[in-house]
Every structure is written in C-alpha cells, then in structure tokens.
C-alpha atoms as a PDB file:
ATOM      1  CA  MET A   1      -5.412 -98.066 -66.315  1.00  0.00           C
ATOM      2  CA  LYS A   2      -8.185 -96.083 -66.853  1.00  0.00           C
ATOM      3  CA  TRP A   3      -8.117 -92.614 -68.118  1.00  0.00           C
ATOM      4  CA  ILE A   4     -11.014 -90.310 -66.109  1.00  0.00           C
ATOM      5  CA  THR A   5     -12.144 -86.906 -68.510  1.00  0.00           C
ATOM      6  CA  PRO A   6     -11.995 -84.133 -66.400  1.00  0.00           C
ATOM      7  CA  THR A   7     -15.395 -83.251 -66.994  1.00  0.00           C
ATOM      8  CA  GLU A   8     -16.404 -86.851 -64.820  1.00  0.00           C
ATOM      9  CA  PHE A   9     -13.237 -86.221 -62.126  1.00  0.00           C
ATOM     10  CA  SER A  10     -15.005 -82.385 -61.534  1.00  0.00           C
ATOM     11  CA  THR A  11     -18.575 -84.296 -60.447  1.00  0.00           C
ATOM     12  CA  LYS A  12     -16.607 -87.187 -59.051  1.00  0.00           C
ATOM     13  CA  GLN A  13     -14.229 -86.156 -56.830  1.00  0.00           C
ATOM     14  CA  ALA A  14     -15.428 -87.363 -53.802  1.00  0.00           C
ATOM     15  CA  ASP A  15     -15.043 -91.071 -55.289  1.00  0.00           C
ATOM     16  CA  PHE A  16     -11.328 -90.652 -55.707  1.00  0.00           C
ATOM     17  CA  THR A  17      -7.704 -90.498 -53.500  1.00  0.00           C
ATOM     18  CA  VAL A  18      -5.989 -87.940 -55.564  1.00  0.00           C
ATOM     19  CA  ILE A  19      -2.500 -87.429 -55.787  1.00  0.00           C
ATOM     20  CA  ASP A  20      -0.654 -84.709 -58.023  1.00  0.00           C
ATOM     21  CA  VAL A  21       2.727 -85.997 -59.283  1.00  0.00           C
ATOM     22  CA  ARG A  22       4.421 -83.069 -60.546  1.00  0.00           C
ATOM     23  CA  GLU A  23       7.603 -81.626 -58.827  1.00  0.00           C
ATOM     24  CA  PRO A  24       6.346 -78.988 -55.757  1.00  0.00           C
ATOM     25  CA  TYR A  25       7.618 -76.016 -58.160  1.00  0.00           C
ATOM     26  CA  GLU A  26       4.844 -76.679 -60.370  1.00  0.00           C
ATOM     27  CA  TYR A  27       2.784 -77.490 -57.855  1.00  0.00           C
ATOM     28  CA  GLN A  28       3.365 -74.417 -56.375  1.00  0.00           C
ATOM     29  CA  ILE A  29       1.913 -72.310 -59.432  1.00  0.00           C
ATOM     30  CA  GLY A  30      -1.351 -74.048 -59.491  1.00  0.00           C
ATOM     31  CA  ASN A  31      -2.699 -76.841 -58.324  1.00  0.00           C
ATOM     32  CA  LEU A  32      -6.516 -78.549 -57.455  1.00  0.00           C
ATOM     33  CA  GLY A  33      -5.431 -78.920 -53.742  1.00  0.00           C
ATOM     34  CA  PHE A  34      -5.061 -82.482 -53.993  1.00  0.00           C
ATOM     35  CA  PRO A  35      -1.928 -84.058 -51.992  1.00  0.00           C
ATOM     36  CA  ASN A  36       1.231 -83.221 -54.164  1.00  0.00           C
ATOM     37  CA  VAL A  37       3.826 -86.252 -54.158  1.00  0.00           C
ATOM     38  CA  PRO A  38       6.599 -86.022 -57.227  1.00  0.00           C
ATOM     39  CA  MET A  39       6.572 -89.091 -59.546  1.00  0.00           C
ATOM     40  CA  ALA A  40       9.374 -90.380 -57.887  1.00  0.00           C
ATOM     41  CA  GLU A  41       8.231 -90.677 -54.244  1.00  0.00           C
ATOM     42  CA  VAL A  42       4.863 -91.910 -54.991  1.00  0.00           C
ATOM     43  CA  CYS A  43       5.593 -95.549 -54.488  1.00  0.00           C
ATOM     44  CA  GLU A  44       7.220 -95.094 -51.068  1.00  0.00           C
ATOM     45  CA  PHE A  45       4.178 -92.632 -50.095  1.00  0.00           C
ATOM     46  CA  LEU A  46       1.999 -95.202 -50.659  1.00  0.00           C
ATOM     47  CA  LYS A  47       3.559 -98.208 -48.987  1.00  0.00           C
ATOM     48  CA  SER A  48       2.774 -95.854 -45.787  1.00  0.00           C
ATOM     49  CA  ASN A  49      -0.417 -94.006 -46.927  1.00  0.00           C
ATOM     50  CA  GLY A  50      -2.426 -97.064 -49.015  1.00  0.00           C
ATOM     51  CA  PRO A  51      -5.493 -95.018 -50.528  1.00  0.00           C
ATOM     52  CA  LYS A  52      -8.639 -95.981 -49.289  1.00  0.00           C
ATOM     53  CA  LEU A  53     -10.617 -94.787 -52.450  1.00  0.00           C
ATOM     54  CA  PRO A  54      -9.706 -95.872 -56.253  1.00  0.00           C
ATOM     55  CA  LEU A  55      -6.532 -93.811 -56.931  1.00  0.00           C
ATOM     56  CA  LEU A  56      -6.291 -91.183 -59.315  1.00  0.00           C
ATOM     57  CA  LEU A  57      -2.879 -89.399 -60.168  1.00  0.00           C
ATOM     58  CA  ILE A  58      -2.621 -86.194 -62.075  1.00  0.00           C
ATOM     59  CA  CYS A  59       0.022 -83.821 -63.664  1.00  0.00           C
ATOM     60  CA  LYS A  60       0.182 -81.240 -66.417  1.00  0.00           C
ATOM     61  CA  SER A  61      -0.445 -84.045 -69.668  1.00  0.00           C
ATOM     62  CA  GLY A  62      -1.457 -86.745 -67.982  1.00  0.00           C
ATOM     63  CA  ASN A  63       2.262 -88.644 -69.396  1.00  0.00           C
ATOM     64  CA  ARG A  64       3.764 -88.689 -65.870  1.00  0.00           C
ATOM     65  CA  ALA A  65       0.614 -90.130 -64.339  1.00  0.00           C
ATOM     66  CA  SER A  66       0.278 -92.494 -66.731  1.00  0.00           C
ATOM     67  CA  ALA A  67       3.779 -93.693 -66.147  1.00  0.00           C
ATOM     68  CA  VAL A  68       3.800 -93.971 -62.560  1.00  0.00           C
ATOM     69  CA  ALA A  69       0.016 -95.653 -62.888  1.00  0.00           C
ATOM     70  CA  ASN A  70       1.810 -98.180 -64.903  1.00  0.00           C
ATOM     71  CA  TYR A  71       4.364 -99.417 -62.843  1.00  0.00           C
ATOM     72  CA  LEU A  72       1.781 -99.283 -60.007  1.00  0.00           C
ATOM     73  CA  GLU A  73      -0.546-101.643 -61.898  1.00  0.00           C
ATOM     74  CA  THR A  74       2.004-104.020 -63.852  1.00  0.00           C
ATOM     75  CA  GLU A  75       5.438-103.476 -60.397  1.00  0.00           C
ATOM     76  CA  LEU A  76       2.939-103.003 -57.788  1.00  0.00           C
ATOM     77  CA  ASN A  77      -0.376-104.960 -58.645  1.00  0.00           C
ATOM     78  CA  PHE A  78      -2.812-102.222 -57.492  1.00  0.00           C
ATOM     79  CA  PRO A  79      -5.698-102.876 -58.502  1.00  0.00           C
ATOM     80  CA  GLU A  80      -7.704 -99.562 -59.121  1.00  0.00           C
ATOM     81  CA  VAL A  81      -5.236 -96.854 -60.637  1.00  0.00           C
ATOM     82  CA  ASN A  82      -6.965 -93.690 -62.952  1.00  0.00           C
ATOM     83  CA  VAL A  83      -5.466 -90.807 -64.454  1.00  0.00           C
ATOM     84  CA  LEU A  84      -6.861 -87.706 -65.424  1.00  0.00           C
ATOM     85  CA  GLU A  85      -7.254 -87.375 -69.053  1.00  0.00           C
ATOM     86  CA  GLY A  86      -4.765 -84.280 -70.640  1.00  0.00           C
ATOM     87  CA  GLY A  87      -3.830 -83.914 -67.269  1.00  0.00           C
ATOM     88  CA  LEU A  88      -4.292 -80.626 -65.331  1.00  0.00           C
ATOM     89  CA  GLN A  89      -4.033 -78.614 -68.860  1.00  0.00           C
ATOM     90  CA  ASN A  90      -7.455 -80.865 -70.551  1.00  0.00           C
ATOM     91  CA  TRP A  91      -8.613 -79.779 -66.639  1.00  0.00           C
ATOM     92  CA  HIS A  92      -8.000 -76.158 -67.514  1.00  0.00           C
ATOM     93  CA  ASP A  93      -9.381 -76.090 -71.350  1.00  0.00           C
ATOM     94  CA  SER A  94     -12.430 -78.134 -70.339  1.00  0.00           C
ATOM     95  CA  VAL A  95     -13.638 -77.492 -66.823  1.00  0.00           C
ATOM     96  CA  ASP A  96     -11.645 -74.389 -65.070  1.00  0.00           C
ATOM     97  CA  ASN A  97      -9.937 -71.982 -67.034  1.00  0.00           C
ATOM     98  CA  THR A  98      -8.703 -69.918 -64.451  1.00  0.00           C
ATOM     99  CA  LEU A  99      -5.925 -72.810 -63.380  1.00  0.00           C
ATOM    100  CA  ILE A 100      -2.682 -71.491 -63.786  1.00  0.00           C
ATOM    101  CA  LEU A 101      -0.020 -73.982 -65.057  1.00  0.00           C
ATOM    102  CA  ASP A 102       2.943 -71.616 -66.181  1.00  0.00           C
ATOM    103  CA  VAL A 103       3.972 -68.422 -64.907  1.00  0.00           C
END
C-alpha cells in the first residue's frame, strides 16, 4: 500500500481508478465526484469492475481506505493499491477547504 498526499493526488487524479469507500450518507454530504462503493462492497465491486489504472481509495480520515487496501493487497493480491493520506479531511485542509464533510 502506498500513501498519496492530497497535493500529489490533485495533480495526478487521471492516473488512478478512484473509489470513495465511505457510506452513502457520508458521500451525499460532500464528495470529489468519484464512484462511491461502501467499504463492505468494494471486493465484490472490484471482482466485476477491475481497475484499469492503479487503484486509489479514499475515505474521511484514511483509516477505512487503508483497511480495505490492506485486505486487497494481502488477501486478493491486488498489485498496486494507494490510499489518500489523511483522507478527505486532509484534502479539505490542504487542497480545497470548500469540501463539506459534516452537516
């Protein structure tokens, strides 16, 4: 698993297949426009929608995304899984403070 900083991600978004692993209610509050596949559904989703580019997972803090990334690498042998360092909270703090994460 590799951590990608928000600043690096902001310049390389097209280099990744991005999945937001938060729950739908969180996603509806604020998101970056990438597909929302809740944490519990990511493995099933990837079985039928394997990424064409390196995978990048995002969540609010990076914790859920890193747990999914770890599972994908260790149990399903995904070759390249990345996580947005600090999650969307870090994105908000360092790239775009207009992103709404809580109501």
